[in-house]
Amino acid sequence: MKLSILLALLPSTTALAHVDAPPAPHDLWSAWTLDPFVTLSLAFVAVLYSIGLSRQWRRAGTGRGPKRWQAATFLGGMLALVLALVWPLDALGEALFTAHMAQHVLLVAVVPPLMVVGAPMAPLMRGLPAAWRRRLVGWGRQGWWRAAWRRLSAPGAAALLHGIALWAWHAPAAFQAALANEAVHIAEHASFLFTGLLFWWAIVRSGRVPELGFGVGILWMLVTVIHSGLLGALITFAPMPLYPAYANRAAAWGLTLLEDQQLAGLVMWVPGGMIYLVAGVALMAAWLKALERRAQRAPGLLR
C-alpha cells in the first residue's frame, strides 16, 4: 500500500492528448481511431505479409514453409493490433482507464506472442523487392548488429527491458504525460510493442538454443508473472486514485474514478497474468516433451 501511495504523490498532469470528448456508451460502435500513421502501417505490413506468403506458397506449395496455423496466428496478432489501436480500445481508453489497460495488455501479452509464434519474418522479407531484401540481409550480417542483437535478445535482457517498460509507463507521471501528449503516447505504445516482441521472441527461442534451454525461458517468464502481478495488485488496491486525468470521465459508464482504477488493475493482474502463466506452463510441457524425446533416443539416460 505504501508503494501505491508514493506513486500517487509523483507529479502528474491532467490534460488528455486527444482533444475530442471521450466516447460515451452510445458512441462505442463509432469510436474508431483512424490515425493515418497507424492505419497505413498496419495496411503496409498486411500487404507485405500477404505478398510474401503467396510467393512462398506458390513456390513450395500451400501450407509448406509457413504453415497454415502460423499464418492464422499472425492474422490473429494483426486483428489484436486493430482492436488495440483502431477500434475500440484506443478511443475508449480516453474515457476508461480499464479500457486503456486492456489496450496495454493486448500490446504486451497478446499481439507479441501471436506474431512471434506466427513466424512472419520469412514472408515479410519475401514481400520486399529483391534489392531491399539483399540490403537488409547485408545489414543483418554486420558484426556490430549481430553482437547487439545477441545481447538484447538474451532472455534476461529482454525480460528486464519488458519489465522496465511496464513499470515506468504505469508510474502516474509518465502515464499522464502519455495522456497529455500524443508523441509521448505513441512512444508508450511503441515501447510496449517492441519490448513485448523482444521478450516473447527471446522466451520462445530459449527452448531451441542448447546453451539456453527451456529452464531459462521458464525462469524469466515466472519473474514476469510475479512483477506484473505485483504492479496490477498495487493499482487494484491503491487507496486513492493514481491517475486523476480520468476524473469525471468514468461516470458516464457508471463507475467512479477509483472503481475504474481497480478494474484496470484487475485487468493487468488476472487476464494479463494468466497469459504469462499459461505460456510458462506451455514452456514446461515443451521442456518435458523434449526431455522425453531425448530419453527415447538414448535409453541409457533413464537407467
Protein backbone atom coordinates (compact mmCIF):
# COMPACT_ATOMS: atom_id res chain seq x y z
CA MET A 1 0.00 0.00 0.00
CA LYS A 2 2.83 2.40 0.84
CA LEU A 3 4.28 1.92 -2.64
CA SER A 4 0.99 2.87 -4.27
CA ILE A 5 0.71 5.95 -2.04
CA LEU A 6 4.23 7.02 -3.05
CA LEU A 7 3.32 6.54 -6.71
CA ALA A 8 0.28 8.74 -6.22
CA LEU A 9 2.45 11.56 -4.88
CA LEU A 10 4.52 11.76 -8.07
CA PRO A 11 3.79 14.85 -10.20
CA SER A 12 1.23 14.44 -12.95
CA THR A 13 -0.76 16.44 -15.46
CA THR A 14 -4.48 16.16 -16.15
CA ALA A 15 -4.96 17.11 -19.79
CA LEU A 16 -5.62 14.36 -22.32
CA ALA A 17 -3.69 14.01 -25.56
CA HIS A 18 -6.83 13.74 -27.71
CA VAL A 19 -8.83 16.92 -27.92
CA ASP A 20 -12.13 15.23 -28.77
CA ALA A 21 -14.53 14.39 -25.96
CA PRO A 22 -14.15 10.81 -24.72
CA PRO A 23 -16.79 8.42 -26.06
CA ALA A 24 -19.96 7.72 -24.11
CA PRO A 25 -21.51 4.21 -24.18
CA HIS A 26 -23.77 5.05 -27.12
CA ASP A 27 -20.72 6.21 -29.15
CA LEU A 28 -18.79 2.94 -28.84
CA TRP A 29 -19.59 1.50 -32.27
CA SER A 30 -18.40 4.68 -33.98
CA ALA A 31 -15.32 5.12 -31.77
CA TRP A 32 -12.72 4.45 -34.48
CA THR A 33 -9.20 5.87 -34.24
CA LEU A 34 -8.17 6.29 -37.86
CA ASP A 35 -4.71 7.71 -37.30
CA PRO A 36 -3.02 7.79 -40.75
CA PHE A 37 0.36 6.56 -39.46
CA VAL A 38 -1.16 3.61 -37.58
CA THR A 39 -3.66 2.55 -40.25
CA LEU A 40 -1.18 2.88 -43.12
CA SER A 41 1.47 0.98 -41.14
CA LEU A 42 -0.94 -1.87 -40.41
CA ALA A 43 -2.07 -1.95 -44.04
CA PHE A 44 1.55 -1.97 -45.26
CA VAL A 45 2.52 -4.89 -43.01
CA ALA A 46 -0.62 -6.84 -44.00
CA VAL A 47 0.00 -6.32 -47.74
CA LEU A 48 3.72 -7.11 -47.42
CA TYR A 49 2.98 -10.32 -45.49
CA SER A 50 0.28 -11.39 -47.98
CA ILE A 51 2.60 -10.87 -50.96
CA GLY A 52 5.47 -12.73 -49.30
CA LEU A 53 3.26 -15.60 -48.14
CA SER A 54 1.70 -16.06 -51.58
CA ARG A 55 5.18 -16.09 -53.15
CA GLN A 56 6.40 -18.75 -50.70
CA TRP A 57 3.32 -20.91 -51.10
CA ARG A 58 3.42 -20.61 -54.88
CA ARG A 59 6.97 -21.92 -54.88
CA ALA A 60 6.80 -24.58 -52.15
CA GLY A 61 3.09 -25.39 -52.07
CA THR A 62 0.31 -24.10 -49.88
CA GLY A 63 0.96 -24.81 -46.23
CA ARG A 64 4.66 -25.53 -46.76
CA GLY A 65 7.27 -23.20 -45.33
CA PRO A 66 4.96 -21.08 -43.18
CA LYS A 67 2.19 -23.40 -42.00
CA ARG A 68 -1.47 -22.54 -42.28
CA TRP A 69 -1.75 -22.32 -38.49
CA GLN A 70 1.19 -19.91 -38.40
CA ALA A 71 -0.48 -17.67 -40.96
CA ALA A 72 -3.69 -17.80 -38.91
CA THR A 73 -1.75 -16.95 -35.73
CA PHE A 74 -0.11 -13.94 -37.37
CA LEU A 75 -3.52 -12.82 -38.63
CA GLY A 76 -4.80 -13.07 -35.06
CA GLY A 77 -1.97 -10.80 -33.93
CA MET A 78 -2.85 -8.25 -36.60
CA LEU A 79 -6.52 -8.32 -35.58
CA ALA A 80 -5.49 -7.81 -31.94
CA LEU A 81 -3.50 -4.76 -33.06
CA VAL A 82 -6.60 -3.41 -34.78
CA LEU A 83 -8.59 -3.91 -31.56
CA ALA A 84 -5.92 -2.09 -29.58
CA LEU A 85 -5.08 0.80 -31.90
CA VAL A 86 -8.01 1.32 -34.29
CA TRP A 87 -11.25 0.12 -32.67
CA PRO A 88 -12.49 0.29 -29.99
CA LEU A 89 -9.91 0.42 -27.21
CA ASP A 90 -7.85 3.42 -28.28
CA ALA A 91 -10.84 5.77 -28.25
CA LEU A 92 -12.48 4.08 -25.27
CA GLY A 93 -9.21 4.47 -23.38
CA GLU A 94 -9.88 8.21 -23.24
CA ALA A 95 -12.91 7.56 -21.06
CA LEU A 96 -11.94 4.49 -19.04
CA PHE A 97 -8.62 3.54 -17.51
CA THR A 98 -9.87 -0.06 -17.68
CA ALA A 99 -10.02 0.13 -21.49
CA HIS A 100 -6.60 1.76 -21.59
CA MET A 101 -5.19 -1.08 -19.51
CA ALA A 102 -6.83 -3.67 -21.76
CA GLN A 103 -5.11 -1.94 -24.66
CA HIS A 104 -1.77 -2.27 -22.88
CA VAL A 105 -2.37 -5.97 -22.16
CA LEU A 106 -3.03 -6.56 -25.86
CA LEU A 107 0.17 -4.73 -26.82
CA VAL A 108 2.45 -6.61 -24.40
CA ALA A 109 0.86 -10.03 -23.87
CA VAL A 110 -1.45 -10.85 -26.80
CA VAL A 111 -0.10 -9.30 -30.01
CA PRO A 112 3.60 -10.19 -29.44
CA PRO A 113 3.21 -13.94 -28.73
CA LEU A 114 0.77 -14.36 -31.62
CA MET A 115 3.17 -12.64 -34.00
CA VAL A 116 6.26 -14.43 -32.70
CA VAL A 117 4.62 -17.87 -32.93
CA GLY A 118 3.34 -16.91 -36.39
CA ALA A 119 6.98 -16.59 -37.57
CA PRO A 120 6.28 -13.74 -40.02
CA MET A 121 9.88 -12.73 -40.86
CA ALA A 122 10.29 -15.00 -43.89
CA PRO A 123 7.02 -13.91 -45.57
CA LEU A 124 7.71 -10.24 -44.74
CA MET A 125 11.18 -10.46 -46.28
CA ARG A 126 9.79 -12.29 -49.33
CA GLY A 127 7.28 -9.48 -49.76
CA LEU A 128 10.02 -6.89 -50.21
CA PRO A 129 11.66 -6.06 -53.55
CA ALA A 130 14.77 -8.19 -54.11
CA ALA A 131 17.16 -5.20 -53.84
CA TRP A 132 15.70 -4.17 -50.46
CA ARG A 133 15.87 -7.75 -49.24
CA ARG A 134 19.55 -8.08 -50.16
CA ARG A 135 20.35 -4.80 -48.44
CA LEU A 136 18.57 -5.84 -45.21
CA VAL A 137 20.32 -9.22 -45.22
CA GLY A 138 23.65 -7.41 -45.64
CA TRP A 139 22.96 -5.15 -42.67
CA GLY A 140 21.92 -8.14 -40.58
CA ARG A 141 25.25 -9.84 -41.21
CA GLN A 142 27.33 -6.96 -39.86
CA GLY A 143 29.23 -7.88 -36.73
CA TRP A 144 28.13 -4.92 -34.61
CA TRP A 145 24.46 -5.59 -35.33
CA ARG A 146 24.74 -9.31 -34.61
CA ALA A 147 26.55 -8.63 -31.33
CA ALA A 148 23.99 -6.00 -30.25
CA TRP A 149 21.06 -8.24 -31.17
CA ARG A 150 22.58 -11.20 -29.32
CA ARG A 151 22.79 -9.12 -26.14
CA LEU A 152 19.36 -7.50 -26.47
CA SER A 153 17.59 -10.77 -27.29
CA ALA A 154 19.06 -12.74 -24.37
CA PRO A 155 16.09 -13.79 -22.19
CA GLY A 156 17.33 -11.87 -19.13
CA ALA A 157 17.94 -8.63 -21.03
CA ALA A 158 14.64 -8.89 -22.91
CA ALA A 159 12.72 -9.59 -19.68
CA LEU A 160 14.43 -6.64 -17.97
CA LEU A 161 13.54 -4.23 -20.79
CA HIS A 162 9.98 -5.56 -20.83
CA GLY A 163 9.66 -5.07 -17.06
CA ILE A 164 11.10 -1.55 -17.18
CA ALA A 165 8.59 -0.57 -19.87
CA LEU A 166 5.67 -1.94 -17.82
CA TRP A 167 6.64 -0.25 -14.56
CA ALA A 168 7.94 3.04 -15.98
CA TRP A 169 4.91 3.80 -18.14
CA HIS A 170 2.44 2.98 -15.36
CA ALA A 171 4.02 5.46 -12.95
CA PRO A 172 1.42 8.28 -12.72
CA ALA A 173 3.74 10.99 -14.05
CA ALA A 174 4.69 9.01 -17.16
CA PHE A 175 1.19 7.63 -17.73
CA GLN A 176 -0.43 11.04 -17.59
CA ALA A 177 2.31 12.55 -19.76
CA ALA A 178 1.27 9.99 -22.38
CA LEU A 179 -2.36 11.06 -21.99
CA ALA A 180 -1.42 14.73 -22.35
CA ASN A 181 0.93 14.48 -25.35
CA GLU A 182 0.32 12.42 -28.47
CA ALA A 183 4.03 11.96 -29.24
CA VAL A 184 4.62 10.55 -25.75
CA HIS A 185 1.52 8.36 -26.19
CA ILE A 186 2.98 6.91 -29.39
CA ALA A 187 6.33 6.32 -27.65
CA GLU A 188 4.50 4.49 -24.85
CA HIS A 189 2.70 2.15 -27.23
CA ALA A 190 5.83 1.62 -29.35
CA SER A 191 7.89 0.67 -26.29
CA PHE A 192 5.20 -1.77 -25.11
CA LEU A 193 5.03 -3.44 -28.52
CA PHE A 194 8.79 -3.51 -29.14
CA THR A 195 9.77 -4.84 -25.70
CA GLY A 196 6.84 -7.29 -25.86
CA LEU A 197 8.01 -8.68 -29.20
CA LEU A 198 11.60 -8.86 -27.93
CA PHE A 199 10.57 -10.61 -24.71
CA TRP A 200 8.33 -13.21 -26.33
CA TRP A 201 10.83 -13.88 -29.12
CA ALA A 202 13.60 -14.46 -26.56
CA ILE A 203 11.40 -16.75 -24.44
CA VAL A 204 10.13 -18.83 -27.37
CA ARG A 205 13.66 -19.10 -28.78
CA SER A 206 15.18 -20.19 -25.45
CA GLY A 207 13.99 -23.78 -25.89
CA ARG A 208 15.63 -24.03 -29.30
CA VAL A 209 19.10 -22.88 -28.20
CA PRO A 210 21.11 -25.60 -26.42
CA GLU A 211 23.16 -23.17 -24.33
CA LEU A 212 19.97 -21.53 -23.02
CA GLY A 213 17.34 -24.26 -22.69
CA PHE A 214 13.72 -24.15 -21.62
CA GLY A 215 14.66 -23.61 -17.97
CA VAL A 216 15.95 -20.09 -18.67
CA GLY A 217 12.76 -19.14 -20.50
CA ILE A 218 10.59 -20.56 -17.73
CA LEU A 219 12.58 -18.68 -15.08
CA TRP A 220 12.16 -15.30 -16.76
CA MET A 221 8.50 -15.99 -17.51
CA LEU A 222 7.98 -16.66 -13.80
CA VAL A 223 9.76 -13.41 -12.91
CA THR A 224 7.46 -11.57 -15.30
CA VAL A 225 4.34 -13.21 -13.83
CA ILE A 226 5.40 -12.07 -10.36
CA HIS A 227 6.35 -8.46 -11.08
CA SER A 228 3.47 -7.76 -13.48
CA GLY A 229 1.05 -9.25 -10.95
CA LEU A 230 2.56 -7.06 -8.24
CA LEU A 231 2.05 -3.97 -10.40
CA GLY A 232 -1.55 -4.97 -11.09
CA ALA A 233 -2.15 -5.54 -7.37
CA LEU A 234 -0.68 -2.15 -6.43
CA ILE A 235 -3.03 -0.42 -8.88
CA THR A 236 -6.01 -2.51 -7.74
CA PHE A 237 -5.55 -1.93 -4.02
CA ALA A 238 -4.31 1.67 -4.10
CA PRO A 239 -6.37 3.59 -1.50
CA MET A 240 -6.62 6.67 -3.70
CA PRO A 241 -6.84 7.46 -7.43
CA LEU A 242 -3.41 7.37 -9.04
CA TYR A 243 -4.43 8.83 -12.41
CA PRO A 244 -6.59 11.96 -11.92
CA ALA A 245 -6.71 12.60 -15.68
CA TYR A 246 -9.71 10.26 -15.72
CA ALA A 247 -11.67 12.32 -13.19
CA ASN A 248 -15.33 12.74 -14.20
CA ARG A 249 -14.82 10.56 -17.30
CA ALA A 250 -15.80 7.15 -15.95
CA ALA A 251 -19.12 8.45 -14.55
CA ALA A 252 -20.81 8.11 -17.95
CA TRP A 253 -20.00 4.41 -17.76
CA GLY A 254 -21.40 4.02 -14.25
CA LEU A 255 -18.03 3.91 -12.49
CA THR A 256 -16.22 6.13 -10.03
CA LEU A 257 -12.61 7.09 -10.66
CA LEU A 258 -11.37 4.62 -8.03
CA GLU A 259 -13.62 1.79 -9.28
CA ASP A 260 -12.31 2.29 -12.81
CA GLN A 261 -8.75 2.14 -11.48
CA GLN A 262 -9.48 -1.04 -9.52
CA LEU A 263 -10.92 -2.74 -12.60
CA ALA A 264 -7.89 -1.66 -14.63
CA GLY A 265 -5.56 -3.18 -12.05
CA LEU A 266 -7.53 -6.42 -12.17
CA VAL A 267 -7.24 -6.50 -15.97
CA MET A 268 -3.46 -6.37 -15.69
CA TRP A 269 -3.33 -8.71 -12.70
CA VAL A 270 -5.73 -11.50 -13.73
CA PRO A 271 -6.13 -11.83 -17.53
CA GLY A 272 -2.67 -10.38 -18.18
CA GLY A 273 -1.06 -12.58 -15.55
CA MET A 274 -2.90 -15.66 -16.81
CA ILE A 275 -1.42 -15.21 -20.27
CA TYR A 276 2.12 -15.25 -18.88
CA LEU A 277 1.26 -18.15 -16.58
CA VAL A 278 -0.25 -20.27 -19.38
CA ALA A 279 2.80 -19.54 -21.52
CA GLY A 280 5.04 -20.70 -18.68
CA VAL A 281 3.05 -23.94 -18.38
CA ALA A 282 3.31 -24.45 -22.15
CA LEU A 283 7.09 -23.98 -21.93
CA MET A 284 7.23 -26.53 -19.12
CA ALA A 285 5.23 -29.02 -21.21
CA ALA A 286 7.53 -28.45 -24.19
CA TRP A 287 10.55 -28.98 -21.94
CA LEU A 288 9.19 -32.29 -20.63
CA LYS A 289 8.41 -33.40 -24.17
CA ALA A 290 11.94 -32.53 -25.29
CA LEU A 291 13.39 -34.50 -22.37
CA GLU A 292 11.19 -37.47 -23.30
CA ARG A 293 12.39 -37.38 -26.90
CA ARG A 294 15.99 -37.18 -25.74
CA ALA A 295 15.47 -40.13 -23.41
CA GLN A 296 13.94 -42.18 -26.24
CA ARG A 297 16.99 -41.51 -28.39
CA ALA A 298 19.34 -42.50 -25.55
CA PRO A 299 17.53 -45.07 -23.32
CA GLY A 300 20.60 -45.41 -21.15
CA LEU A 301 19.88 -41.98 -19.65
CA LEU A 302 16.93 -43.46 -17.73
CA ARG A 303 18.96 -46.23 -16.11
